[in-house]
Every structure is written in C-alpha cells, then in structure tokens.
PDB file of N, CA and C in Angstrom:
ATOM      1  N   MET A   1     -62.805  95.396 -34.005  1.00  0.00           N
ATOM      2  CA  MET A   1     -63.487  94.127 -33.355  1.00  0.00           C
ATOM      3  C   MET A   1     -62.199  93.503 -32.897  1.00  0.00           C
ATOM      4  N   THR A   2     -62.309  93.402 -31.822  1.00  0.00           N
ATOM      5  CA  THR A   2     -61.055  92.423 -30.853  1.00  0.00           C
ATOM      6  C   THR A   2     -61.253  90.860 -31.832  1.00  0.00           C
ATOM      7  N   MET A   3     -60.251  90.238 -31.355  1.00  0.00           N
ATOM      8  CA  MET A   3     -60.087  89.051 -31.400  1.00  0.00           C
ATOM      9  C   MET A   3     -60.885  88.186 -30.428  1.00  0.00           C
ATOM     10  N   ILE A   4     -61.239  88.651 -29.251  1.00  0.00           N
ATOM     11  CA  ILE A   4     -61.961  88.114 -28.191  1.00  0.00           C
ATOM     12  C   ILE A   4     -63.752  88.435 -28.415  1.00  0.00           C
ATOM     13  N   ASP A   5     -63.816  89.214 -29.198  1.00  0.00           N
ATOM     14  CA  ASP A   5     -65.467  89.392 -29.626  1.00  0.00           C
ATOM     15  C   ASP A   5     -65.413  88.252 -30.900  1.00  0.00           C
ATOM     16  N   ARG A   6     -64.546  88.485 -31.422  1.00  0.00           N
ATOM     17  CA  ARG A   6     -64.835  87.420 -32.875  1.00  0.00           C
ATOM     18  C   ARG A   6     -64.724  85.893 -32.546  1.00  0.00           C
ATOM     19  N   VAL A   7     -63.968  85.617 -31.550  1.00  0.00           N
ATOM     20  CA  VAL A   7     -64.075  84.135 -30.735  1.00  0.00           C
ATOM     21  C   VAL A   7     -65.601  84.045 -30.378  1.00  0.00           C
ATOM     22  N   ARG A   8     -65.585  85.204 -29.525  1.00  0.00           N
ATOM     23  CA  ARG A   8     -67.512  85.295 -29.140  1.00  0.00           C
ATOM     24  C   ARG A   8     -68.619  84.801 -29.980  1.00  0.00           C
ATOM     25  N   ASP A   9     -68.370  85.178 -31.172  1.00  0.00           N
ATOM     26  CA  ASP A   9     -69.162  85.075 -32.075  1.00  0.00           C
ATOM     27  C   ASP A   9     -69.292  83.916 -32.473  1.00  0.00           C
ATOM     28  N   GLU A  10     -68.195  83.573 -32.651  1.00  0.00           N
ATOM     29  CA  GLU A  10     -68.437  81.822 -33.404  1.00  0.00           C
ATOM     30  C   GLU A  10     -69.246  80.846 -32.749  1.00  0.00           C
ATOM     31  N   PRO A  11     -70.180  79.751 -33.349  1.00  0.00           N
ATOM     32  CA  PRO A  11     -71.362  79.593 -33.036  1.00  0.00           C
ATOM     33  C   PRO A  11     -70.790  78.440 -31.728  1.00  0.00           C
ATOM     34  N   GLY A  12     -71.024  77.473 -31.335  1.00  0.00           N
ATOM     35  CA  GLY A  12     -70.862  76.530 -29.910  1.00  0.00           C
ATOM     36  C   GLY A  12     -70.829  75.166 -31.038  1.00  0.00           C
ATOM     37  N   TYR A  13     -70.215  74.104 -30.641  1.00  0.00           N
ATOM     38  CA  TYR A  13     -70.444  72.818 -30.906  1.00  0.00           C
ATOM     39  C   TYR A  13     -71.981  72.294 -30.850  1.00  0.00           C
ATOM     40  N   PHE A  14     -73.231  72.706 -29.785  1.00  0.00           N
ATOM     41  CA  PHE A  14     -74.196  71.846 -29.920  1.00  0.00           C
ATOM     42  C   PHE A  14     -75.533  72.937 -30.913  1.00  0.00           C
ATOM     43  N   GLU A  15     -74.656  74.162 -31.264  1.00  0.00           N
ATOM     44  CA  GLU A  15     -75.662  75.207 -32.322  1.00  0.00           C
ATOM     45  C   GLU A  15     -75.195  74.657 -33.661  1.00  0.00           C
ATOM     46  N   LEU A  16     -73.761  74.190 -33.566  1.00  0.00           N
ATOM     47  CA  LEU A  16     -73.567  74.093 -35.048  1.00  0.00           C
ATOM     48  C   LEU A  16     -74.314  72.347 -35.436  1.00  0.00           C
ATOM     49  N   ALA A  17     -74.351  71.259 -34.522  1.00  0.00           N
ATOM     50  CA  ALA A  17     -75.263  70.077 -34.217  1.00  0.00           C
ATOM     51  C   ALA A  17     -76.644  70.384 -34.774  1.00  0.00           C
ATOM     52  N   ARG A  18     -76.973  71.324 -34.203  1.00  0.00           N
ATOM     53  CA  ARG A  18     -78.407  71.735 -34.052  1.00  0.00           C
ATOM     54  C   ARG A  18     -78.782  72.286 -36.199  1.00  0.00           C
ATOM     55  N   SER A  19     -77.828  73.356 -36.315  1.00  0.00           N
ATOM     56  CA  SER A  19     -77.948  73.352 -37.957  1.00  0.00           C
ATOM     57  C   SER A  19     -77.697  72.703 -39.288  1.00  0.00           C
ATOM     58  N   ILE A  20     -76.973  70.988 -38.847  1.00  0.00           N
ATOM     59  CA  ILE A  20     -77.455  70.731 -39.773  1.00  0.00           C
ATOM     60  C   ILE A  20     -78.616  70.062 -40.349  1.00  0.00           C
ATOM     61  N   PHE A  21     -79.687  70.383 -39.410  1.00  0.00           N
ATOM     62  CA  PHE A  21     -80.812  69.783 -39.286  1.00  0.00           C
ATOM     63  C   PHE A  21     -82.111  70.894 -39.921  1.00  0.00           C
ATOM     64  N   THR A  22     -80.901  71.876 -40.651  1.00  0.00           N
ATOM     65  CA  THR A  22     -82.014  72.591 -41.200  1.00  0.00           C
ATOM     66  C   THR A  22     -81.536  73.036 -42.602  1.00  0.00           C
ATOM     67  N   GLY A  23     -82.626  73.951 -43.178  1.00  0.00           N
ATOM     68  CA  GLY A  23     -81.766  74.350 -44.735  1.00  0.00           C
ATOM     69  C   GLY A  23     -82.202  73.512 -45.548  1.00  0.00           C
ATOM     70  N   LYS A  24     -81.638  73.587 -46.835  1.00  0.00           N
ATOM     71  CA  LYS A  24     -81.889  72.787 -47.690  1.00  0.00           C
ATOM     72  C   LYS A  24     -81.748  71.355 -47.834  1.00  0.00           C
ATOM     73  N   LEU A  25     -80.469  71.383 -47.017  1.00  0.00           N
ATOM     74  CA  LEU A  25     -80.420  69.546 -46.834  1.00  0.00           C
ATOM     75  C   LEU A  25     -80.609  69.087 -45.255  1.00  0.00           C
ATOM     76  N   GLY A  26     -81.373  69.735 -44.913  1.00  0.00           N
ATOM     77  CA  GLY A  26     -82.188  69.263 -43.411  1.00  0.00           C
ATOM     78  C   GLY A  26     -82.733  67.834 -43.414  1.00  0.00           C
ATOM     79  N   TRP A  27     -83.366  67.637 -44.594  1.00  0.00           N
ATOM     80  CA  TRP A  27     -83.600  66.646 -44.947  1.00  0.00           C
ATOM     81  C   TRP A  27     -83.257  65.052 -44.840  1.00  0.00           C
ATOM     82  N   VAL A  28     -82.218  65.617 -45.639  1.00  0.00           N
ATOM     83  CA  VAL A  28     -80.771  64.575 -45.500  1.00  0.00           C
ATOM     84  C   VAL A  28     -80.075  63.910 -44.425  1.00  0.00           C
ATOM     85  N   SER A  29     -79.817  65.340 -43.359  1.00  0.00           N
ATOM     86  CA  SER A  29     -79.379  65.393 -41.980  1.00  0.00           C
ATOM     87  C   SER A  29     -80.453  64.145 -40.939  1.00  0.00           C
ATOM     88  N   TRP A  30     -81.835  64.885 -41.387  1.00  0.00           N
ATOM     89  CA  TRP A  30     -82.756  64.022 -40.416  1.00  0.00           C
ATOM     90  C   TRP A  30     -82.627  62.711 -40.744  1.00  0.00           C
ATOM     91  N   THR A  31     -82.610  61.840 -42.259  1.00  0.00           N
ATOM     92  CA  THR A  31     -82.359  60.509 -42.603  1.00  0.00           C
ATOM     93  C   THR A  31     -81.806  59.738 -42.298  1.00  0.00           C
ATOM     94  N   ILE A  32     -80.225  60.189 -42.186  1.00  0.00           N
ATOM     95  CA  ILE A  32     -79.213  59.654 -41.576  1.00  0.00           C
ATOM     96  C   ILE A  32     -79.218  59.779 -40.348  1.00  0.00           C
ATOM     97  N   TYR A  33     -79.803  60.619 -39.701  1.00  0.00           N
ATOM     98  CA  TYR A  33     -79.900  60.001 -38.045  1.00  0.00           C
ATOM     99  C   TYR A  33     -80.775  59.128 -38.154  1.00  0.00           C
ATOM    100  N   ILE A  34     -82.165  59.198 -38.432  1.00  0.00           N
ATOM    101  CA  ILE A  34     -82.969  58.425 -38.607  1.00  0.00           C
ATOM    102  C   ILE A  34     -82.222  56.774 -38.882  1.00  0.00           C
ATOM    103  N   THR A  35     -81.901  56.862 -39.970  1.00  0.00           N
ATOM    104  CA  THR A  35     -81.440  55.501 -40.476  1.00  0.00           C
ATOM    105  C   THR A  35     -80.576  54.836 -39.565  1.00  0.00           C
ATOM    106  N   GLN A  36     -79.546  55.831 -39.137  1.00  0.00           N
ATOM    107  CA  GLN A  36     -78.558  55.361 -37.544  1.00  0.00           C
ATOM    108  C   GLN A  36     -78.851  55.255 -36.407  1.00  0.00           C
ATOM    109  N   ILE A  37     -79.967  55.703 -36.364  1.00  0.00           N
ATOM    110  CA  ILE A  37     -80.946  55.184 -34.988  1.00  0.00           C
ATOM    111  C   ILE A  37     -81.351  54.130 -35.233  1.00  0.00           C
ATOM    112  N   VAL A  38     -82.060  53.158 -36.233  1.00  0.00           N
ATOM    113  CA  VAL A  38     -82.592  52.052 -36.640  1.00  0.00           C
ATOM    114  C   VAL A  38     -81.472  50.982 -36.385  1.00  0.00           C
ATOM    115  N   LEU A  39     -80.411  51.651 -36.644  1.00  0.00           N
ATOM    116  CA  LEU A  39     -79.729  50.560 -37.019  1.00  0.00           C
ATOM    117  C   LEU A  39     -78.783  50.084 -35.957  1.00  0.00           C
ATOM    118  N   PHE A  40     -78.689  51.088 -34.827  1.00  0.00           N
ATOM    119  CA  PHE A  40     -78.055  51.217 -33.593  1.00  0.00           C
ATOM    120  C   PHE A  40     -79.219  50.380 -33.024  1.00  0.00           C
ATOM    121  N   ILE A  41     -80.155  50.488 -32.294  1.00  0.00           N
ATOM    122  CA  ILE A  41     -81.553  49.455 -32.180  1.00  0.00           C
ATOM    123  C   ILE A  41     -81.238  47.896 -32.497  1.00  0.00           C
ATOM    124  N   ALA A  42     -81.373  47.713 -33.673  1.00  0.00           N
ATOM    125  CA  ALA A  42     -81.080  46.653 -34.220  1.00  0.00           C
ATOM    126  C   ALA A  42     -79.676  45.710 -34.229  1.00  0.00           C
ATOM    127  N   GLY A  43     -78.363  46.601 -33.804  1.00  0.00           N
ATOM    128  CA  GLY A  43     -77.017  46.276 -33.904  1.00  0.00           C
ATOM    129  C   GLY A  43     -77.347  45.625 -32.369  1.00  0.00           C
ATOM    130  N   VAL A  44     -78.159  46.682 -31.452  1.00  0.00           N
ATOM    131  CA  VAL A  44     -78.022  45.933 -29.673  1.00  0.00           C
ATOM    132  C   VAL A  44     -79.042  44.898 -29.359  1.00  0.00           C
ATOM    133  N   TYR A  45     -80.139  44.834 -30.534  1.00  0.00           N
ATOM    134  CA  TYR A  45     -80.930  43.324 -30.587  1.00  0.00           C
ATOM    135  C   TYR A  45     -79.989  42.490 -30.726  1.00  0.00           C
ATOM    136  N   ALA A  46     -79.046  42.347 -32.027  1.00  0.00           N
ATOM    137  CA  ALA A  46     -78.427  41.903 -32.407  1.00  0.00           C
ATOM    138  C   ALA A  46     -77.856  40.948 -31.577  1.00  0.00           C
ATOM    139  N   ALA A  47     -76.839  42.092 -30.873  1.00  0.00           N
ATOM    140  CA  ALA A  47     -75.607  41.357 -30.239  1.00  0.00           C
ATOM    141  C   ALA A  47     -76.539  40.690 -28.969  1.00  0.00           C
ATOM    142  N   TRP A  48     -77.677  41.542 -28.263  1.00  0.00           N
ATOM    143  CA  TRP A  48     -78.174  40.269 -27.065  1.00  0.00           C
ATOM    144  C   TRP A  48     -78.435  39.587 -27.562  1.00  0.00           C
ATOM    145  N   GLN A  49     -78.978  39.335 -28.682  1.00  0.00           N
ATOM    146  CA  GLN A  49     -78.783  37.363 -28.863  1.00  0.00           C
ATOM    147  C   GLN A  49     -78.331  37.075 -29.328  1.00  0.00           C
ATOM    148  N   PHE A  50     -76.651  37.562 -29.430  1.00  0.00           N
ATOM    149  CA  PHE A  50     -75.307  36.960 -29.792  1.00  0.00           C
ATOM    150  C   PHE A  50     -75.112  36.709 -28.479  1.00  0.00           C
ATOM    151  N   PHE A  51     -75.608  37.106 -27.660  1.00  0.00           N
ATOM    152  CA  PHE A  51     -75.107  37.040 -26.018  1.00  0.00           C
ATOM    153  C   PHE A  51     -75.775  35.615 -25.608  1.00  0.00           C
ATOM    154  N   GLY A  52     -76.738  35.714 -25.939  1.00  0.00           N
ATOM    155  CA  GLY A  52     -77.806  34.418 -25.523  1.00  0.00           C
ATOM    156  C   GLY A  52     -77.833  33.602 -25.993  1.00  0.00           C
ATOM    157  N   ALA A  53     -76.796  33.766 -27.502  1.00  0.00           N
ATOM    158  CA  ALA A  53     -76.693  32.147 -28.086  1.00  0.00           C
ATOM    159  C   ALA A  53     -76.439  30.846 -27.499  1.00  0.00           C
ATOM    160  N   THR A  54     -76.624  29.779 -27.435  1.00  0.00           N
ATOM    161  CA  THR A  54     -76.156  29.207 -27.079  1.00  0.00           C
ATOM    162  C   THR A  54     -74.990  27.623 -28.117  1.00  0.00           C
ATOM    163  N   GLU A  55     -75.793  28.101 -29.274  1.00  0.00           N
ATOM    164  CA  GLU A  55     -75.271  26.765 -30.452  1.00  0.00           C
ATOM    165  C   GLU A  55     -74.350  27.867 -31.101  1.00  0.00           C
ATOM    166  N   VAL A  56     -73.252  27.246 -31.738  1.00  0.00           N
ATOM    167  CA  VAL A  56     -72.154  28.002 -32.447  1.00  0.00           C
ATOM    168  C   VAL A  56     -72.851  28.685 -33.897  1.00  0.00           C
ATOM    169  N   LEU A  57     -73.834  28.289 -34.696  1.00  0.00           N
ATOM    170  CA  LEU A  57     -73.865  28.721 -35.826  1.00  0.00           C
ATOM    171  C   LEU A  57     -74.610  29.902 -35.188  1.00  0.00           C
ATOM    172  N   PRO A  58     -75.414  29.889 -34.564  1.00  0.00           N
ATOM    173  CA  PRO A  58     -76.574  31.196 -34.280  1.00  0.00           C
ATOM    174  C   PRO A  58     -75.762  32.289 -33.342  1.00  0.00           C
ATOM    175  N   ALA A  59     -74.507  32.051 -32.988  1.00  0.00           N
ATOM    176  CA  ALA A  59     -73.567  32.766 -32.212  1.00  0.00           C
ATOM    177  C   ALA A  59     -72.799  33.609 -33.210  1.00  0.00           C
ATOM    178  N   ILE A  60     -72.655  32.666 -34.173  1.00  0.00           N
ATOM    179  CA  ILE A  60     -71.752  33.678 -35.524  1.00  0.00           C
ATOM    180  C   ILE A  60     -72.598  34.375 -36.307  1.00  0.00           C
ATOM    181  N   LYS A  61     -74.171  33.912 -36.148  1.00  0.00           N
ATOM    182  CA  LYS A  61     -75.015  34.644 -37.249  1.00  0.00           C
ATOM    183  C   LYS A  61     -75.253  36.226 -36.675  1.00  0.00           C
ATOM    184  N   TRP A  62     -75.495  36.148 -35.461  1.00  0.00           N
ATOM    185  CA  TRP A  62     -75.805  37.352 -34.540  1.00  0.00           C
ATOM    186  C   TRP A  62     -75.219  38.026 -34.229  1.00  0.00           C
ATOM    187  N   GLY A  63     -74.102  37.240 -33.756  1.00  0.00           N
ATOM    188  CA  GLY A  63     -72.599  38.585 -33.792  1.00  0.00           C
ATOM    189  C   GLY A  63     -71.803  38.989 -35.107  1.00  0.00           C
ATOM    190  N   PHE A  64     -71.871  38.265 -36.126  1.00  0.00           N
ATOM    191  CA  PHE A  64     -71.751  39.110 -37.276  1.00  0.00           C
ATOM    192  C   PHE A  64     -72.700  40.082 -37.588  1.00  0.00           C
ATOM    193  N   SER A  65     -73.505  39.761 -37.359  1.00  0.00           N
ATOM    194  CA  SER A  65     -74.494  40.768 -37.786  1.00  0.00           C
ATOM    195  C   SER A  65     -75.005  42.052 -36.705  1.00  0.00           C
ATOM    196  N   ALA A  66     -74.658  41.335 -35.578  1.00  0.00           N
ATOM    197  CA  ALA A  66     -74.254  42.833 -34.736  1.00  0.00           C
ATOM    198  C   ALA A  66     -73.569  43.829 -35.194  1.00  0.00           C
ATOM    199  N   SER A  67     -72.073  43.096 -35.088  1.00  0.00           N
ATOM    200  CA  SER A  67     -71.014  43.937 -35.867  1.00  0.00           C
ATOM    201  C   SER A  67     -70.890  44.835 -36.945  1.00  0.00           C
ATOM    202  N   VAL A  68     -71.861  44.058 -38.162  1.00  0.00           N
ATOM    203  CA  VAL A  68     -72.394  45.053 -39.260  1.00  0.00           C
ATOM    204  C   VAL A  68     -72.686  46.192 -38.655  1.00  0.00           C
ATOM    205  N   LEU A  69     -74.023  45.868 -38.393  1.00  0.00           N
ATOM    206  CA  LEU A  69     -74.694  46.750 -37.671  1.00  0.00           C
ATOM    207  C   LEU A  69     -74.480  48.015 -37.093  1.00  0.00           C
ATOM    208  N   LEU A  70     -73.636  47.287 -36.025  1.00  0.00           N
ATOM    209  CA  LEU A  70     -72.937  48.679 -35.541  1.00  0.00           C
ATOM    210  C   LEU A  70     -71.957  49.252 -35.841  1.00  0.00           C
ATOM    211  N   LEU A  71     -71.258  48.684 -36.617  1.00  0.00           N
ATOM    212  CA  LEU A  71     -69.946  49.923 -37.314  1.00  0.00           C
ATOM    213  C   LEU A  71     -70.437  50.465 -38.411  1.00  0.00           C
ATOM    214  N   TYR A  72     -71.843  50.288 -39.119  1.00  0.00           N
ATOM    215  CA  TYR A  72     -72.932  50.810 -40.106  1.00  0.00           C
ATOM    216  C   TYR A  72     -73.324  52.049 -39.341  1.00  0.00           C
ATOM    217  N   ALA A  73     -73.803  51.702 -38.558  1.00  0.00           N
ATOM    218  CA  ALA A  73     -74.397  53.143 -37.611  1.00  0.00           C
ATOM    219  C   ALA A  73     -73.380  54.031 -36.938  1.00  0.00           C
ATOM    220  N   LEU A  74     -71.914  53.729 -36.959  1.00  0.00           N
ATOM    221  CA  LEU A  74     -71.539  54.615 -36.372  1.00  0.00           C
ATOM    222  C   LEU A  74     -70.548  55.199 -37.918  1.00  0.00           C
ATOM    223  N   ILE A  75     -70.599  54.376 -38.650  1.00  0.00           N
ATOM    224  CA  ILE A  75     -70.138  55.354 -40.072  1.00  0.00           C
ATOM    225  C   ILE A  75     -70.958  56.269 -40.628  1.00  0.00           C
ATOM    226  N   MET A  76     -72.558  56.107 -40.523  1.00  0.00           N
ATOM    227  CA  MET A  76     -73.371  56.824 -40.754  1.00  0.00           C
ATOM    228  C   MET A  76     -73.670  57.681 -39.928  1.00  0.00           C
ATOM    229  N   LYS A  77     -72.705  57.784 -38.276  1.00  0.00           N
ATOM    230  CA  LYS A  77     -72.725  58.745 -37.562  1.00  0.00           C
ATOM    231  C   LYS A  77     -71.874  60.038 -37.852  1.00  0.00           C
ATOM    232  N   THR A  78     -70.869  59.128 -38.198  1.00  0.00           N
ATOM    233  CA  THR A  78     -69.561  60.208 -38.569  1.00  0.00           C
ATOM    234  C   THR A  78     -69.780  60.800 -39.857  1.00  0.00           C
ATOM    235  N   ALA A  79     -70.698  60.730 -40.471  1.00  0.00           N
ATOM    236  CA  ALA A  79     -71.072  61.009 -41.899  1.00  0.00           C
ATOM    237  C   ALA A  79     -71.435  62.861 -41.212  1.00  0.00           C
ATOM    238  N   LEU A  80     -72.498  62.521 -40.601  1.00  0.00           N
ATOM    239  CA  LEU A  80     -72.504  64.165 -39.793  1.00  0.00           C
ATOM    240  C   LEU A  80     -71.350  64.735 -39.496  1.00  0.00           C
ATOM    241  N   GLY A  81     -70.750  65.020 -39.925  1.00  0.00           N
ATOM    242  CA  GLY A  81     -69.606  65.629 -39.211  1.00  0.00           C
ATOM    243  C   GLY A  81     -69.261  66.322 -40.183  1.00  0.00           C
ATOM    244  N   PRO A  82     -68.769  66.340 -41.367  1.00  0.00           N
ATOM    245  CA  PRO A  82     -68.626  66.854 -42.639  1.00  0.00           C
ATOM    246  C   PRO A  82     -69.290  67.996 -42.705  1.00  0.00           C
ATOM    247  N   MET A  83     -71.081  67.609 -42.469  1.00  0.00           N
ATOM    248  CA  MET A  83     -72.213  68.854 -43.183  1.00  0.00           C
ATOM    249  C   MET A  83     -71.690  69.797 -41.780  1.00  0.00           C
ATOM    250  N   MET A  84     -71.209  69.525 -40.482  1.00  0.00           N
ATOM    251  CA  MET A  84     -71.259  70.319 -39.662  1.00  0.00           C
ATOM    252  C   MET A  84     -70.092  71.351 -39.749  1.00  0.00           C
ATOM    253  N   LEU A  85     -69.120  70.710 -40.460  1.00  0.00           N
ATOM    254  CA  LEU A  85     -67.890  71.694 -40.868  1.00  0.00           C
ATOM    255  C   LEU A  85     -68.408  72.919 -41.864  1.00  0.00           C
ATOM    256  N   THR A  86     -68.994  72.146 -42.470  1.00  0.00           N
ATOM    257  CA  THR A  86     -69.504  72.778 -44.258  1.00  0.00           C
ATOM    258  C   THR A  86     -70.402  73.744 -43.835  1.00  0.00           C
ATOM    259  N   ASN A  87     -71.162  73.632 -42.991  1.00  0.00           N
ATOM    260  CA  ASN A  87     -72.284  74.837 -42.347  1.00  0.00           C
ATOM    261  C   ASN A  87     -71.356  75.699 -41.190  1.00  0.00           C
ATOM    262  N   ARG A  88     -70.267  75.673 -40.861  1.00  0.00           N
ATOM    263  CA  ARG A  88     -69.599  76.643 -39.872  1.00  0.00           C
ATOM    264  C   ARG A  88     -68.672  76.865 -41.110  1.00  0.00           C
ATOM    265  N   ILE A  89     -68.303  76.351 -42.188  1.00  0.00           N
ATOM    266  CA  ILE A  89     -67.525  77.636 -43.006  1.00  0.00           C
ATOM    267  C   ILE A  89     -68.084  78.185 -43.841  1.00  0.00           C
ATOM    268  N   LEU A  90     -69.303  77.985 -43.908  1.00  0.00           N
ATOM    269  CA  LEU A  90     -70.692  79.001 -44.670  1.00  0.00           C
ATOM    270  C   LEU A  90     -70.835  79.945 -43.711  1.00  0.00           C
ATOM    271  N   LYS A  91     -71.070  79.832 -42.563  1.00  0.00           N
ATOM    272  CA  LYS A  91     -71.124  80.910 -41.437  1.00  0.00           C
ATOM    273  C   LYS A  91     -70.301  81.945 -41.444  1.00  0.00           C
ATOM    274  N   VAL A  92     -69.413  81.301 -41.587  1.00  0.00           N
ATOM    275  CA  VAL A  92     -67.635  81.936 -41.678  1.00  0.00           C
ATOM    276  C   VAL A  92     -67.673  83.110 -42.911  1.00  0.00           C
ATOM    277  N   LEU A  93     -68.093  82.143 -43.813  1.00  0.00           N
ATOM    278  CA  LEU A  93     -68.021  83.201 -45.150  1.00  0.00           C
ATOM    279  C   LEU A  93     -68.902  84.460 -45.356  1.00  0.00           C
ATOM    280  N   GLU A  94     -70.487  84.088 -44.541  1.00  0.00           N
ATOM    281  CA  GLU A  94     -71.413  84.845 -44.159  1.00  0.00           C
ATOM    282  C   GLU A  94     -71.117  86.132 -43.565  1.00  0.00           C
ATOM    283  N   ARG A  95     -70.472  85.680 -42.339  1.00  0.00           N
ATOM    284  CA  ARG A  95     -70.138  87.082 -41.688  1.00  0.00           C
ATOM    285  C   ARG A  95     -68.579  87.499 -42.617  1.00  0.00           C
ATOM    286  N   SER A  96     -68.161  87.019 -42.648  1.00  0.00           N
ATOM    287  CA  SER A  96     -66.973  88.285 -43.130  1.00  0.00           C
ATOM    288  C   SER A  96     -67.364  88.877 -44.806  1.00  0.00           C
ATOM    289  N   GLU A  97     -68.279  88.117 -44.978  1.00  0.00           N
ATOM    290  CA  GLU A  97     -69.373  89.126 -46.535  1.00  0.00           C
ATOM    291  C   GLU A  97     -69.685  89.994 -45.893  1.00  0.00           C
ATOM    292  N   ARG A  98     -70.524  90.316 -44.308  1.00  0.00           N
ATOM    293  CA  ARG A  98     -71.086  91.446 -43.678  1.00  0.00           C
ATOM    294  C   ARG A  98     -69.877  92.273 -43.630  1.00  0.00           C
ATOM    295  N   ALA A  99     -68.848  91.891 -42.841  1.00  0.00           N
ATOM    296  CA  ALA A  99     -68.160  93.096 -42.575  1.00  0.00           C
ATOM    297  C   ALA A  99     -67.389  93.687 -43.336  1.00  0.00           C
ATOM    298  N   ASP A 100     -67.366  92.978 -44.650  1.00  0.00           N
ATOM    299  CA  ASP A 100     -67.009  93.854 -45.448  1.00  0.00           C
ATOM    300  C   ASP A 100     -67.689  95.314 -46.114  1.00  0.00           C
TER     301      ASP A 100
END
C-alpha cells in the first residue's frame, strides 16, 4: 500500500464530525451540542436586548449576560474537538491492527 492510498483512506473532517455523535458516548456529544445551541440562542437574545437597552443598568445586565452565554457556548463547542481527535486516533489504531 502506497502513501497516497493511506492518505485516501483517512476519514475527512465532516466524517470525523459525524462520528462523534455515534457510539457509546454519542449521547454526551448530543447533549453538549444541544446545550451549546440553547446557550447560543439565549446569548443572541441577550445581545439583542443589550443593544436595545436605553438605560445603563439593563444594558450592563444584558451585556454581561450576553457575553457570558456566548463565551460559554463557544467553550462548549470547542469541547467537541478533542472527541474528534480521539475518534481519529481510535480509527487509525483499528486500521493498523487490521493491517498487521
């Protein structure tokens, strides 16, 4: 098997992204993803209220809420990256065991 054939066998980014929602820990990924979507929507709503506020105290309240919600949604989204890397390593190990 040549090096080019090995590269062609590598799973693509979207295949890896879909793979985190399957398997024994797929429910964890679904929970993180749904929670991230809810936090993002709440953050956008809070940002909308922030930009519409005419007084200082509501603007601070909505602005702080928007920033915390949006940052937390971003942090949860980046938590899915290591899962993709773990799945990729497991697939490579599985492939190397089959090759031997």
